[in-house]
């Protein structure tokens, strides 16, 4: 059973930065895709960024140029560096890992609040 644990959320002023971490119980290199999603109050969960096939990074238009996804396979950890944060980035952020034949796994979420 794969377990994911996020950390690094918090309260930050608009324009500030945060770095989220997600540590997996298994090797992040063994997954077909790893990524981040977020869910704001009364909104559906939305995709933020991912790494597919080991190296291809992809971003939602709303975060492109401000967020950077990365991973450290030696630490079984992926990161989301978030810069130039905006109030509309406020949400619970979830990490996700997908492996064909096993399915999709989610962390418990970490709250990010951006004040104006």
Protein backbone atom coordinates (compact mmCIF):
# COMPACT_ATOMS: atom_id res chain seq x y z
CA UNK A 1 0.00 0.00 0.00
CA UNK A 2 1.41 3.36 -1.05
CA UNK A 3 1.14 6.22 1.40
CA UNK A 4 1.73 9.89 0.61
CA UNK A 5 2.25 12.61 3.17
CA UNK A 6 2.24 16.33 2.37
CA UNK A 7 3.82 19.10 4.39
CA UNK A 8 4.77 22.74 3.98
CA UNK A 9 1.42 24.46 3.83
CA UNK A 10 0.64 27.58 5.81
CA UNK A 11 -0.40 31.20 5.76
CA UNK A 12 1.44 33.63 3.52
CA UNK A 13 0.85 37.12 2.20
CA UNK A 14 0.13 37.72 -1.46
CA UNK A 15 3.37 37.80 -3.42
CA UNK A 16 5.05 35.40 -1.04
CA UNK A 17 6.33 31.87 -1.52
CA UNK A 18 5.83 28.42 -0.07
CA UNK A 19 7.30 25.04 -0.85
CA UNK A 20 5.15 21.96 -0.44
CA UNK A 21 6.66 18.52 0.01
CA UNK A 22 5.13 15.11 -0.52
CA UNK A 23 6.95 12.04 0.72
CA UNK A 24 5.96 8.62 -0.57
CA UNK A 25 6.32 5.29 1.17
CA UNK A 26 7.62 3.90 -2.13
CA UNK A 27 10.02 5.23 -4.72
CA UNK A 28 8.67 8.24 -6.62
CA UNK A 29 10.64 6.99 -9.58
CA UNK A 30 8.45 3.91 -9.82
CA UNK A 31 5.27 5.88 -10.58
CA UNK A 32 4.08 6.66 -14.10
CA UNK A 33 2.98 10.12 -13.02
CA UNK A 34 3.19 12.23 -9.87
CA UNK A 35 1.54 15.56 -9.33
CA UNK A 36 -0.33 18.12 -7.33
CA UNK A 37 -4.00 19.04 -7.17
CA UNK A 38 -5.86 21.61 -5.13
CA UNK A 39 -9.38 22.18 -3.87
CA UNK A 40 -10.69 25.55 -2.82
CA UNK A 41 -13.80 25.88 -0.62
CA UNK A 42 -16.98 24.98 -2.51
CA UNK A 43 -15.02 24.21 -5.67
CA UNK A 44 -14.04 20.98 -7.37
CA UNK A 45 -10.57 19.60 -7.04
CA UNK A 46 -8.39 20.83 -9.87
CA UNK A 47 -5.11 19.70 -11.33
CA UNK A 48 -2.12 21.98 -10.70
CA UNK A 49 1.02 20.31 -12.06
CA UNK A 50 2.56 16.92 -12.75
CA UNK A 51 5.61 15.02 -13.87
CA UNK A 52 4.84 12.31 -16.41
CA UNK A 53 7.11 9.55 -17.60
CA UNK A 54 9.91 10.60 -15.31
CA UNK A 55 10.77 13.97 -16.76
CA UNK A 56 7.93 15.73 -18.59
CA UNK A 57 6.58 18.56 -16.44
CA UNK A 58 3.17 20.09 -17.04
CA UNK A 59 1.33 23.00 -15.43
CA UNK A 60 -2.15 24.42 -15.33
CA UNK A 61 -2.34 27.79 -17.05
CA UNK A 62 -3.27 29.45 -13.77
CA UNK A 63 0.08 28.56 -12.17
CA UNK A 64 2.42 28.45 -15.15
CA UNK A 65 5.47 30.62 -14.56
CA UNK A 66 4.83 30.83 -10.82
CA UNK A 67 4.90 27.20 -9.61
CA UNK A 68 7.60 24.60 -10.17
CA UNK A 69 7.19 20.88 -9.63
CA UNK A 70 10.22 18.73 -8.95
CA UNK A 71 11.20 15.49 -7.28
CA UNK A 72 14.08 13.87 -5.48
CA UNK A 73 13.94 10.13 -6.07
CA UNK A 74 16.65 9.49 -3.50
CA UNK A 75 14.34 10.96 -0.85
CA UNK A 76 11.10 9.57 -2.36
CA UNK A 77 9.83 13.13 -2.26
CA UNK A 78 8.28 15.54 -4.69
CA UNK A 79 7.96 19.27 -4.26
CA UNK A 80 5.85 22.16 -5.39
CA UNK A 81 7.64 25.50 -5.20
CA UNK A 82 5.01 28.22 -5.26
CA UNK A 83 6.09 31.80 -5.91
CA UNK A 84 4.15 35.02 -6.44
CA UNK A 85 1.22 33.55 -4.55
CA UNK A 86 -2.21 35.07 -4.99
CA UNK A 87 -5.33 34.92 -2.82
CA UNK A 88 -6.95 32.72 -5.45
CA UNK A 89 -4.26 30.10 -4.81
CA UNK A 90 -5.84 29.49 -1.40
CA UNK A 91 -6.85 25.83 -1.22
CA UNK A 92 -6.07 22.46 0.23
CA UNK A 93 -3.24 21.01 -1.84
CA UNK A 94 -3.04 17.26 -2.44
CA UNK A 95 -0.25 15.22 -3.91
CA UNK A 96 -1.07 12.32 -6.19
CA UNK A 97 0.85 9.37 -7.55
CA UNK A 98 -0.32 7.07 -10.32
CA UNK A 99 1.02 3.70 -11.39
CA UNK A 100 -0.51 1.60 -14.11
CA UNK A 101 -1.88 -1.62 -12.76
CA UNK A 102 -2.00 -0.30 -9.20
CA UNK A 103 -4.02 2.88 -9.47
CA UNK A 104 -3.97 6.39 -8.07
CA UNK A 105 -2.92 7.40 -4.57
CA UNK A 106 -3.60 10.58 -2.64
CA UNK A 107 -2.10 12.35 0.33
CA UNK A 108 -4.21 13.79 3.13
CA UNK A 109 -3.81 17.38 1.94
CA UNK A 110 -2.14 20.50 3.30
CA UNK A 111 -3.80 23.90 3.64
CA UNK A 112 -2.37 26.90 1.82
CA UNK A 113 -3.87 30.28 2.67
CA UNK A 114 -2.81 33.43 0.85
CA UNK A 115 -3.89 36.71 2.41
CA UNK A 116 -4.40 39.87 0.38
